[in-house]
PDB file of N, CA and C in Angstrom:
ATOM      1  N   UNK A   1      10.111 -34.362  62.685  1.00  0.00           N
ATOM      2  CA  UNK A   1      11.380 -33.691  61.800  1.00  0.00           C
ATOM      3  C   UNK A   1      11.491 -34.607  60.517  1.00  0.00           C
ATOM      4  N   UNK A   2      11.116 -35.442  60.110  1.00  0.00           N
ATOM      5  CA  UNK A   2      11.256 -35.770  58.853  1.00  0.00           C
ATOM      6  C   UNK A   2      10.858 -34.102  57.870  1.00  0.00           C
ATOM      7  N   UNK A   3       9.340 -33.741  57.881  1.00  0.00           N
ATOM      8  CA  UNK A   3       9.042 -32.716  57.172  1.00  0.00           C
ATOM      9  C   UNK A   3       9.795 -31.519  57.299  1.00  0.00           C
ATOM     10  N   UNK A   4      10.795 -31.484  58.265  1.00  0.00           N
ATOM     11  CA  UNK A   4      11.973 -30.328  58.505  1.00  0.00           C
ATOM     12  C   UNK A   4      13.317 -30.661  57.483  1.00  0.00           C
ATOM     13  N   UNK A   5      13.235 -31.899  57.576  1.00  0.00           N
ATOM     14  CA  UNK A   5      14.465 -32.119  56.635  1.00  0.00           C
ATOM     15  C   UNK A   5      14.412 -32.071  54.967  1.00  0.00           C
ATOM     16  N   UNK A   6      12.619 -32.695  54.908  1.00  0.00           N
ATOM     17  CA  UNK A   6      12.403 -32.537  53.338  1.00  0.00           C
ATOM     18  C   UNK A   6      12.463 -30.965  52.821  1.00  0.00           C
ATOM     19  N   UNK A   7      11.729 -29.923  53.803  1.00  0.00           N
ATOM     20  CA  UNK A   7      12.077 -28.719  53.116  1.00  0.00           C
ATOM     21  C   UNK A   7      13.452 -28.360  53.442  1.00  0.00           C
ATOM     22  N   UNK A   8      14.346 -28.764  54.259  1.00  0.00           N
ATOM     23  CA  UNK A   8      15.795 -28.122  54.206  1.00  0.00           C
ATOM     24  C   UNK A   8      16.085 -28.726  52.829  1.00  0.00           C
ATOM     25  N   UNK A   9      15.919 -29.850  52.757  1.00  0.00           N
ATOM     26  CA  UNK A   9      16.511 -30.302  51.489  1.00  0.00           C
ATOM     27  C   UNK A   9      16.077 -30.337  49.761  1.00  0.00           C
ATOM     28  N   UNK A  10      14.627 -29.757  50.036  1.00  0.00           N
ATOM     29  CA  UNK A  10      13.890 -29.333  48.359  1.00  0.00           C
ATOM     30  C   UNK A  10      13.271 -27.975  49.020  1.00  0.00           C
ATOM     31  N   UNK A  11      12.986 -27.442  49.937  1.00  0.00           N
ATOM     32  CA  UNK A  11      12.756 -26.241  50.067  1.00  0.00           C
ATOM     33  C   UNK A  11      11.148 -26.284  49.729  1.00  0.00           C
ATOM     34  N   UNK A  12      10.500 -25.385  49.440  1.00  0.00           N
ATOM     35  CA  UNK A  12       8.738 -25.315  49.809  1.00  0.00           C
ATOM     36  C   UNK A  12       8.456 -25.502  48.347  1.00  0.00           C
ATOM     37  N   UNK A  13       7.566 -27.011  48.346  1.00  0.00           N
ATOM     38  CA  UNK A  13       7.038 -26.860  46.781  1.00  0.00           C
ATOM     39  C   UNK A  13       5.743 -26.791  46.947  1.00  0.00           C
ATOM     40  N   UNK A  14       5.435 -25.913  45.867  1.00  0.00           N
ATOM     41  CA  UNK A  14       4.116 -25.387  45.892  1.00  0.00           C
ATOM     42  C   UNK A  14       3.108 -26.777  45.212  1.00  0.00           C
ATOM     43  N   UNK A  15       2.015 -27.091  45.497  1.00  0.00           N
ATOM     44  CA  UNK A  15       1.258 -27.941  45.026  1.00  0.00           C
ATOM     45  C   UNK A  15       0.894 -27.837  43.315  1.00  0.00           C
ATOM     46  N   UNK A  16       0.495 -28.837  42.677  1.00  0.00           N
ATOM     47  CA  UNK A  16       0.274 -28.698  40.825  1.00  0.00           C
ATOM     48  C   UNK A  16      -0.288 -27.736  40.878  1.00  0.00           C
ATOM     49  N   UNK A  17      -1.492 -27.735  41.444  1.00  0.00           N
ATOM     50  CA  UNK A  17      -3.061 -26.811  41.367  1.00  0.00           C
ATOM     51  C   UNK A  17      -2.583 -25.511  41.896  1.00  0.00           C
ATOM     52  N   UNK A  18      -2.141 -25.353  42.718  1.00  0.00           N
ATOM     53  CA  UNK A  18      -1.392 -23.712  42.972  1.00  0.00           C
ATOM     54  C   UNK A  18      -0.788 -23.488  41.639  1.00  0.00           C
ATOM     55  N   UNK A  19       0.121 -24.306  41.109  1.00  0.00           N
ATOM     56  CA  UNK A  19       1.431 -23.605  40.001  1.00  0.00           C
ATOM     57  C   UNK A  19       0.595 -23.647  39.055  1.00  0.00           C
ATOM     58  N   UNK A  20      -0.616 -24.262  38.432  1.00  0.00           N
ATOM     59  CA  UNK A  20      -1.394 -24.139  37.615  1.00  0.00           C
ATOM     60  C   UNK A  20      -2.640 -22.815  37.288  1.00  0.00           C
ATOM     61  N   UNK A  21      -2.699 -22.715  38.681  1.00  0.00           N
ATOM     62  CA  UNK A  21      -3.870 -21.527  38.749  1.00  0.00           C
ATOM     63  C   UNK A  21      -2.937 -20.436  39.070  1.00  0.00           C
ATOM     64  N   UNK A  22      -1.914 -19.998  39.221  1.00  0.00           N
ATOM     65  CA  UNK A  22      -1.109 -19.407  39.177  1.00  0.00           C
ATOM     66  C   UNK A  22      -0.824 -18.905  37.838  1.00  0.00           C
ATOM     67  N   UNK A  23      -0.473 -19.826  36.777  1.00  0.00           N
ATOM     68  CA  UNK A  23       0.055 -19.879  35.113  1.00  0.00           C
ATOM     69  C   UNK A  23      -1.621 -19.246  35.001  1.00  0.00           C
ATOM     70  N   UNK A  24      -2.792 -19.936  35.395  1.00  0.00           N
ATOM     71  CA  UNK A  24      -3.876 -19.347  34.449  1.00  0.00           C
ATOM     72  C   UNK A  24      -3.962 -18.052  34.561  1.00  0.00           C
ATOM     73  N   UNK A  25      -3.433 -17.299  35.719  1.00  0.00           N
ATOM     74  CA  UNK A  25      -4.257 -15.731  36.164  1.00  0.00           C
ATOM     75  C   UNK A  25      -3.000 -15.318  35.615  1.00  0.00           C
ATOM     76  N   UNK A  26      -1.819 -15.484  35.725  1.00  0.00           N
ATOM     77  CA  UNK A  26      -1.037 -14.490  35.000  1.00  0.00           C
ATOM     78  C   UNK A  26      -1.128 -14.464  33.354  1.00  0.00           C
ATOM     79  N   UNK A  27      -1.541 -15.501  32.591  1.00  0.00           N
ATOM     80  CA  UNK A  27      -2.095 -15.382  31.366  1.00  0.00           C
ATOM     81  C   UNK A  27      -3.484 -14.514  31.186  1.00  0.00           C
ATOM     82  N   UNK A  28      -4.204 -14.548  31.653  1.00  0.00           N
ATOM     83  CA  UNK A  28      -5.575 -14.094  31.932  1.00  0.00           C
ATOM     84  C   UNK A  28      -4.921 -12.780  32.133  1.00  0.00           C
ATOM     85  N   UNK A  29      -4.320 -12.349  33.245  1.00  0.00           N
ATOM     86  CA  UNK A  29      -3.800 -10.458  33.453  1.00  0.00           C
ATOM     87  C   UNK A  29      -2.969  -9.730  32.633  1.00  0.00           C
ATOM     88  N   UNK A  30      -2.043 -10.586  31.693  1.00  0.00           N
ATOM     89  CA  UNK A  30      -1.332 -10.021  30.563  1.00  0.00           C
ATOM     90  C   UNK A  30      -1.967  -9.654  29.580  1.00  0.00           C
ATOM     91  N   UNK A  31      -2.348  -8.569  29.580  1.00  0.00           N
ATOM     92  CA  UNK A  31      -3.567  -8.095  28.409  1.00  0.00           C
ATOM     93  C   UNK A  31      -2.546  -7.852  27.230  1.00  0.00           C
ATOM     94  N   UNK A  32      -1.061  -7.618  26.987  1.00  0.00           N
ATOM     95  CA  UNK A  32      -0.475  -7.570  26.119  1.00  0.00           C
ATOM     96  C   UNK A  32      -0.566  -8.864  25.432  1.00  0.00           C
ATOM     97  N   UNK A  33      -0.281  -9.851  26.267  1.00  0.00           N
ATOM     98  CA  UNK A  33      -0.362 -11.080  25.737  1.00  0.00           C
ATOM     99  C   UNK A  33      -1.398 -11.681  24.814  1.00  0.00           C
ATOM    100  N   UNK A  34      -2.628 -11.309  25.595  1.00  0.00           N
ATOM    101  CA  UNK A  34      -4.146 -11.392  25.000  1.00  0.00           C
ATOM    102  C   UNK A  34      -4.424 -10.807  23.706  1.00  0.00           C
ATOM    103  N   UNK A  35      -3.897  -9.542  23.791  1.00  0.00           N
ATOM    104  CA  UNK A  35      -3.986  -8.811  22.330  1.00  0.00           C
ATOM    105  C   UNK A  35      -3.174  -9.207  21.404  1.00  0.00           C
ATOM    106  N   UNK A  36      -1.853  -9.509  21.008  1.00  0.00           N
ATOM    107  CA  UNK A  36      -0.881 -10.268  20.301  1.00  0.00           C
ATOM    108  C   UNK A  36      -2.265 -11.274  19.898  1.00  0.00           C
ATOM    109  N   UNK A  37      -2.345 -12.223  21.003  1.00  0.00           N
ATOM    110  CA  UNK A  37      -2.968 -13.354  20.127  1.00  0.00           C
ATOM    111  C   UNK A  37      -4.609 -13.141  19.658  1.00  0.00           C
ATOM    112  N   UNK A  38      -5.282 -12.054  20.172  1.00  0.00           N
ATOM    113  CA  UNK A  38      -6.303 -11.774  19.421  1.00  0.00           C
ATOM    114  C   UNK A  38      -5.816 -11.250  17.939  1.00  0.00           C
ATOM    115  N   UNK A  39      -5.258 -10.237  18.049  1.00  0.00           N
ATOM    116  CA  UNK A  39      -5.398  -8.914  16.926  1.00  0.00           C
ATOM    117  C   UNK A  39      -4.178  -8.959  16.319  1.00  0.00           C
ATOM    118  N   UNK A  40      -2.913  -9.708  16.344  1.00  0.00           N
ATOM    119  CA  UNK A  40      -1.824  -9.837  16.013  1.00  0.00           C
ATOM    120  C   UNK A  40      -1.232 -10.841  14.817  1.00  0.00           C
ATOM    121  N   UNK A  41      -0.484 -10.915  14.062  1.00  0.00           N
ATOM    122  CA  UNK A  41      -0.066 -12.092  13.417  1.00  0.00           C
ATOM    123  C   UNK A  41       1.563 -11.759  14.134  1.00  0.00           C
ATOM    124  N   UNK A  42       2.329 -12.760  15.119  1.00  0.00           N
ATOM    125  CA  UNK A  42       3.433 -12.546  15.535  1.00  0.00           C
ATOM    126  C   UNK A  42       4.289 -13.417  14.638  1.00  0.00           C
ATOM    127  N   UNK A  43       5.618 -12.831  14.477  1.00  0.00           N
ATOM    128  CA  UNK A  43       6.408 -13.374  12.999  1.00  0.00           C
ATOM    129  C   UNK A  43       6.033 -13.254  11.628  1.00  0.00           C
ATOM    130  N   UNK A  44       5.015 -12.691  11.456  1.00  0.00           N
ATOM    131  CA  UNK A  44       4.556 -12.303   9.861  1.00  0.00           C
ATOM    132  C   UNK A  44       4.346 -10.802   9.917  1.00  0.00           C
ATOM    133  N   UNK A  45       5.354 -10.105   9.178  1.00  0.00           N
ATOM    134  CA  UNK A  45       5.036  -8.668   8.462  1.00  0.00           C
ATOM    135  C   UNK A  45       6.103  -8.014   9.418  1.00  0.00           C
ATOM    136  N   UNK A  46       5.156  -6.521   9.234  1.00  0.00           N
ATOM    137  CA  UNK A  46       5.638  -5.160  10.282  1.00  0.00           C
ATOM    138  C   UNK A  46       4.584  -4.786  10.346  1.00  0.00           C
ATOM    139  N   UNK A  47       4.369  -3.666  11.555  1.00  0.00           N
ATOM    140  CA  UNK A  47       3.039  -3.261  11.869  1.00  0.00           C
ATOM    141  C   UNK A  47       3.595  -1.528  12.085  1.00  0.00           C
ATOM    142  N   UNK A  48       3.018  -0.898  11.487  1.00  0.00           N
ATOM    143  CA  UNK A  48       3.763   0.744  11.815  1.00  0.00           C
ATOM    144  C   UNK A  48       2.941   0.688  13.425  1.00  0.00           C
ATOM    145  N   UNK A  49       4.038   1.169  14.120  1.00  0.00           N
ATOM    146  CA  UNK A  49       3.912   1.566  15.518  1.00  0.00           C
ATOM    147  C   UNK A  49       2.636   2.785  15.667  1.00  0.00           C
ATOM    148  N   UNK A  50       2.011   3.629  15.006  1.00  0.00           N
ATOM    149  CA  UNK A  50       0.922   4.547  15.105  1.00  0.00           C
ATOM    150  C   UNK A  50      -0.448   3.540  15.160  1.00  0.00           C
ATOM    151  N   UNK A  51      -0.205   2.843  13.777  1.00  0.00           N
ATOM    152  CA  UNK A  51      -1.208   1.912  13.385  1.00  0.00           C
ATOM    153  C   UNK A  51      -1.720   0.532  14.775  1.00  0.00           C
ATOM    154  N   UNK A  52      -0.367   0.497  15.404  1.00  0.00           N
ATOM    155  CA  UNK A  52      -0.395  -0.801  16.670  1.00  0.00           C
ATOM    156  C   UNK A  52      -1.019  -0.441  17.502  1.00  0.00           C
ATOM    157  N   UNK A  53      -0.727   1.053  17.697  1.00  0.00           N
ATOM    158  CA  UNK A  53      -0.752   1.652  19.049  1.00  0.00           C
ATOM    159  C   UNK A  53      -2.334   1.725  18.732  1.00  0.00           C
ATOM    160  N   UNK A  54      -3.083   2.189  17.885  1.00  0.00           N
ATOM    161  CA  UNK A  54      -4.522   2.412  17.601  1.00  0.00           C
ATOM    162  C   UNK A  54      -5.264   1.071  17.633  1.00  0.00           C
ATOM    163  N   UNK A  55      -4.745   0.193  17.220  1.00  0.00           N
ATOM    164  CA  UNK A  55      -5.229  -1.444  17.215  1.00  0.00           C
ATOM    165  C   UNK A  55      -5.661  -1.610  18.588  1.00  0.00           C
ATOM    166  N   UNK A  56      -4.088  -1.471  19.669  1.00  0.00           N
ATOM    167  CA  UNK A  56      -4.545  -1.788  20.942  1.00  0.00           C
ATOM    168  C   UNK A  56      -5.591  -0.848  21.730  1.00  0.00           C
ATOM    169  N   UNK A  57      -5.223   0.787  21.334  1.00  0.00           N
ATOM    170  CA  UNK A  57      -6.490   1.431  22.171  1.00  0.00           C
ATOM    171  C   UNK A  57      -8.144   0.845  21.833  1.00  0.00           C
ATOM    172  N   UNK A  58      -8.301   0.595  20.570  1.00  0.00           N
ATOM    173  CA  UNK A  58      -9.443   0.262  20.261  1.00  0.00           C
ATOM    174  C   UNK A  58      -9.963  -1.312  21.239  1.00  0.00           C
ATOM    175  N   UNK A  59      -8.860  -2.301  20.987  1.00  0.00           N
ATOM    176  CA  UNK A  59      -8.868  -3.656  21.894  1.00  0.00           C
ATOM    177  C   UNK A  59      -9.152  -3.115  23.627  1.00  0.00           C
ATOM    178  N   UNK A  60      -8.114  -2.397  23.867  1.00  0.00           N
ATOM    179  CA  UNK A  60      -8.435  -1.848  25.508  1.00  0.00           C
ATOM    180  C   UNK A  60     -10.028  -1.408  25.722  1.00  0.00           C
ATOM    181  N   UNK A  61     -10.187  -0.924  24.634  1.00  0.00           N
ATOM    182  CA  UNK A  61     -11.656  -0.111  24.905  1.00  0.00           C
ATOM    183  C   UNK A  61     -12.747  -1.268  24.916  1.00  0.00           C
ATOM    184  N   UNK A  62     -12.256  -2.315  24.006  1.00  0.00           N
ATOM    185  CA  UNK A  62     -13.429  -3.371  23.876  1.00  0.00           C
ATOM    186  C   UNK A  62     -13.370  -3.777  25.006  1.00  0.00           C
ATOM    187  N   UNK A  63     -12.029  -4.320  25.871  1.00  0.00           N
ATOM    188  CA  UNK A  63     -12.189  -4.905  26.858  1.00  0.00           C
ATOM    189  C   UNK A  63     -12.038  -4.578  27.961  1.00  0.00           C
ATOM    190  N   UNK A  64     -12.550  -3.386  28.055  1.00  0.00           N
ATOM    191  CA  UNK A  64     -12.335  -2.567  29.349  1.00  0.00           C
ATOM    192  C   UNK A  64     -11.251  -1.918  29.954  1.00  0.00           C
ATOM    193  N   UNK A  65     -10.143  -2.541  29.688  1.00  0.00           N
ATOM    194  CA  UNK A  65      -9.089  -2.291  29.974  1.00  0.00           C
ATOM    195  C   UNK A  65      -8.437  -0.613  29.712  1.00  0.00           C
ATOM    196  N   UNK A  66      -7.675  -0.020  30.358  1.00  0.00           N
ATOM    197  CA  UNK A  66      -6.781   1.146  30.158  1.00  0.00           C
ATOM    198  C   UNK A  66      -5.217   0.673  29.537  1.00  0.00           C
ATOM    199  N   UNK A  67      -5.115   1.892  28.312  1.00  0.00           N
ATOM    200  CA  UNK A  67      -4.319   0.917  27.360  1.00  0.00           C
ATOM    201  C   UNK A  67      -3.029   1.258  27.869  1.00  0.00           C
ATOM    202  N   UNK A  68      -2.660   2.839  28.483  1.00  0.00           N
ATOM    203  CA  UNK A  68      -1.678   3.436  28.851  1.00  0.00           C
ATOM    204  C   UNK A  68      -0.977   4.559  27.623  1.00  0.00           C
ATOM    205  N   UNK A  69      -0.069   4.164  28.065  1.00  0.00           N
ATOM    206  CA  UNK A  69       1.128   4.986  26.647  1.00  0.00           C
ATOM    207  C   UNK A  69       1.102   4.025  25.604  1.00  0.00           C
ATOM    208  N   UNK A  70       2.054   4.887  24.352  1.00  0.00           N
ATOM    209  CA  UNK A  70       2.207   4.418  23.512  1.00  0.00           C
ATOM    210  C   UNK A  70       3.981   4.073  24.059  1.00  0.00           C
ATOM    211  N   UNK A  71       4.697   4.675  24.546  1.00  0.00           N
ATOM    212  CA  UNK A  71       5.921   4.290  25.165  1.00  0.00           C
ATOM    213  C   UNK A  71       5.107   2.744  26.345  1.00  0.00           C
ATOM    214  N   UNK A  72       4.381   2.571  26.733  1.00  0.00           N
ATOM    215  CA  UNK A  72       4.106   1.838  28.043  1.00  0.00           C
ATOM    216  C   UNK A  72       4.025   0.461  26.693  1.00  0.00           C
ATOM    217  N   UNK A  73       3.490   0.459  25.660  1.00  0.00           N
ATOM    218  CA  UNK A  73       3.368  -0.513  25.065  1.00  0.00           C
ATOM    219  C   UNK A  73       4.529  -0.750  23.940  1.00  0.00           C
ATOM    220  N   UNK A  74       5.222  -0.224  23.834  1.00  0.00           N
ATOM    221  CA  UNK A  74       6.274  -0.468  23.104  1.00  0.00           C
ATOM    222  C   UNK A  74       7.570  -1.035  24.136  1.00  0.00           C
ATOM    223  N   UNK A  75       7.404  -0.519  25.499  1.00  0.00           N
ATOM    224  CA  UNK A  75       8.550  -1.323  26.400  1.00  0.00           C
ATOM    225  C   UNK A  75       8.209  -2.876  26.546  1.00  0.00           C
ATOM    226  N   UNK A  76       6.798  -3.311  26.557  1.00  0.00           N
ATOM    227  CA  UNK A  76       5.492  -4.248  26.393  1.00  0.00           C
ATOM    228  C   UNK A  76       6.192  -5.004  25.685  1.00  0.00           C
ATOM    229  N   UNK A  77       6.177  -4.618  24.384  1.00  0.00           N
ATOM    230  CA  UNK A  77       6.292  -5.289  23.148  1.00  0.00           C
ATOM    231  C   UNK A  77       8.377  -5.682  22.606  1.00  0.00           C
ATOM    232  N   UNK A  78       8.883  -5.241  23.309  1.00  0.00           N
ATOM    233  CA  UNK A  78      10.273  -5.014  23.895  1.00  0.00           C
ATOM    234  C   UNK A  78      10.114  -6.324  24.333  1.00  0.00           C
ATOM    235  N   UNK A  79       9.597  -6.278  25.454  1.00  0.00           N
ATOM    236  CA  UNK A  79       9.967  -7.268  26.752  1.00  0.00           C
ATOM    237  C   UNK A  79       9.475  -8.737  25.907  1.00  0.00           C
ATOM    238  N   UNK A  80       8.771  -8.698  25.074  1.00  0.00           N
ATOM    239  CA  UNK A  80       8.176  -9.833  24.563  1.00  0.00           C
ATOM    240  C   UNK A  80       9.076 -10.303  23.254  1.00  0.00           C
ATOM    241  N   UNK A  81      10.019  -9.408  23.253  1.00  0.00           N
ATOM    242  CA  UNK A  81      10.981 -10.277  22.028  1.00  0.00           C
ATOM    243  C   UNK A  81      10.667  -9.295  20.442  1.00  0.00           C
ATOM    244  N   UNK A  82      10.043  -8.219  20.742  1.00  0.00           N
ATOM    245  CA  UNK A  82       9.563  -7.662  19.104  1.00  0.00           C
ATOM    246  C   UNK A  82      10.682  -6.221  19.045  1.00  0.00           C
ATOM    247  N   UNK A  83      11.521  -6.264  17.828  1.00  0.00           N
ATOM    248  CA  UNK A  83      12.146  -5.408  17.635  1.00  0.00           C
ATOM    249  C   UNK A  83      11.300  -4.065  16.711  1.00  0.00           C
ATOM    250  N   UNK A  84      11.993  -2.631  17.281  1.00  0.00           N
ATOM    251  CA  UNK A  84      11.359  -1.738  16.271  1.00  0.00           C
ATOM    252  C   UNK A  84      12.222  -1.372  15.698  1.00  0.00           C
ATOM    253  N   UNK A  85      12.122  -0.568  13.997  1.00  0.00           N
ATOM    254  CA  UNK A  85      13.311  -0.013  13.840  1.00  0.00           C
ATOM    255  C   UNK A  85      12.451   1.252  12.994  1.00  0.00           C
ATOM    256  N   UNK A  86      12.907   1.853  12.248  1.00  0.00           N
ATOM    257  CA  UNK A  86      12.602   2.907  11.176  1.00  0.00           C
ATOM    258  C   UNK A  86      12.688   2.705   9.533  1.00  0.00           C
ATOM    259  N   UNK A  87      11.579   2.607   8.878  1.00  0.00           N
ATOM    260  CA  UNK A  87      11.347   2.513   7.801  1.00  0.00           C
ATOM    261  C   UNK A  87      12.123   3.466   7.285  1.00  0.00           C
ATOM    262  N   UNK A  88      12.045   3.081   5.542  1.00  0.00           N
ATOM    263  CA  UNK A  88      12.421   4.207   4.527  1.00  0.00           C
ATOM    264  C   UNK A  88      12.071   5.456   4.642  1.00  0.00           C
ATOM    265  N   UNK A  89      11.241   5.639   5.211  1.00  0.00           N
ATOM    266  CA  UNK A  89      10.191   7.377   5.279  1.00  0.00           C
ATOM    267  C   UNK A  89      10.647   7.819   7.008  1.00  0.00           C
ATOM    268  N   UNK A  90      11.285   6.975   7.369  1.00  0.00           N
ATOM    269  CA  UNK A  90      11.774   7.541   8.928  1.00  0.00           C
ATOM    270  C   UNK A  90      10.491   7.192  10.161  1.00  0.00           C
ATOM    271  N   UNK A  91       9.335   6.392   9.368  1.00  0.00           N
ATOM    272  CA  UNK A  91       8.465   5.712   9.937  1.00  0.00           C
ATOM    273  C   UNK A  91       8.760   4.326  11.238  1.00  0.00           C
ATOM    274  N   UNK A  92       8.368   4.922  12.622  1.00  0.00           N
ATOM    275  CA  UNK A  92       8.396   3.328  13.454  1.00  0.00           C
ATOM    276  C   UNK A  92       7.950   2.126  12.858  1.00  0.00           C
ATOM    277  N   UNK A  93       8.311   1.310  12.796  1.00  0.00           N
ATOM    278  CA  UNK A  93       7.633   0.013  12.854  1.00  0.00           C
ATOM    279  C   UNK A  93       8.352  -1.130  13.279  1.00  0.00           C
ATOM    280  N   UNK A  94       7.219  -2.128  13.760  1.00  0.00           N
ATOM    281  CA  UNK A  94       7.895  -3.592  14.251  1.00  0.00           C
ATOM    282  C   UNK A  94       8.215  -4.471  13.536  1.00  0.00           C
ATOM    283  N   UNK A  95       9.069  -4.787  13.706  1.00  0.00           N
ATOM    284  CA  UNK A  95       9.416  -6.051  13.153  1.00  0.00           C
ATOM    285  C   UNK A  95       8.924  -7.704  13.239  1.00  0.00           C
ATOM    286  N   UNK A  96       8.373  -7.795  12.400  1.00  0.00           N
ATOM    287  CA  UNK A  96       7.965  -9.497  12.711  1.00  0.00           C
ATOM    288  C   UNK A  96       6.645  -9.743  13.264  1.00  0.00           C
ATOM    289  N   UNK A  97       6.168  -8.482  13.510  1.00  0.00           N
ATOM    290  CA  UNK A  97       3.824  -8.504  13.964  1.00  0.00           C
ATOM    291  C   UNK A  97       3.453  -7.616  12.779  1.00  0.00           C
ATOM    292  N   UNK A  98       2.430  -8.162  12.505  1.00  0.00           N
ATOM    293  CA  UNK A  98       1.874  -7.926  12.026  1.00  0.00           C
ATOM    294  C   UNK A  98      -0.004  -7.917  12.042  1.00  0.00           C
ATOM    295  N   UNK A  99      -0.835  -6.889  11.708  1.00  0.00           N
ATOM    296  CA  UNK A  99      -2.278  -6.950  12.401  1.00  0.00           C
ATOM    297  C   UNK A  99      -3.098  -7.674  11.368  1.00  0.00           C
ATOM    298  N   UNK A 100      -3.914  -8.153  12.272  1.00  0.00           N
ATOM    299  CA  UNK A 100      -4.771  -8.845  12.061  1.00  0.00           C
ATOM    300  C   UNK A 100      -6.031  -8.078  11.680  1.00  0.00           C
ATOM    301  N   UNK A 101      -6.228  -7.995  10.012  1.00  0.00           N
ATOM    302  CA  UNK A 101      -7.609  -7.082  10.200  1.00  0.00           C
ATOM    303  C   UNK A 101      -7.023  -5.203   9.858  1.00  0.00           C
ATOM    304  N   UNK A 102      -7.549  -4.731   9.550  1.00  0.00           N
ATOM    305  CA  UNK A 102      -7.209  -3.416   9.034  1.00  0.00           C
ATOM    306  C   UNK A 102      -7.898  -2.405   9.797  1.00  0.00           C
ATOM    307  N   UNK A 103      -9.289  -2.617  10.093  1.00  0.00           N
ATOM    308  CA  UNK A 103     -10.237  -2.073  10.608  1.00  0.00           C
ATOM    309  C   UNK A 103      -9.817  -1.482  12.315  1.00  0.00           C
ATOM    310  N   UNK A 104      -9.965  -0.055  11.965  1.00  0.00           N
ATOM    311  CA  UNK A 104      -8.853   0.210  13.432  1.00  0.00           C
ATOM    312  C   UNK A 104     -10.666   1.014  14.190  1.00  0.00           C
TER     313      UNK A 104
END
């Protein structure tokens, strides 16, 4: 009965090993986060939408991943907190997101 009452008060608590393994799996599975870590400078400069997508496609090819569409990447970047805007020439850019290197 003690276990039942503990469950009623605290709910089902996952073991710390499970919590850590789940976090590691999610981090490994988040290809956009890995791309940002490996190929971008978050909080620095701006990146053109087309250049960013080309870099994403190349990174995905190197990783054996499907890049999806430019719209899907844009949605993922917005979900990460990045803002897009049009520059003076009307081209879409991402604020606070620079690309490491220029080779595409």
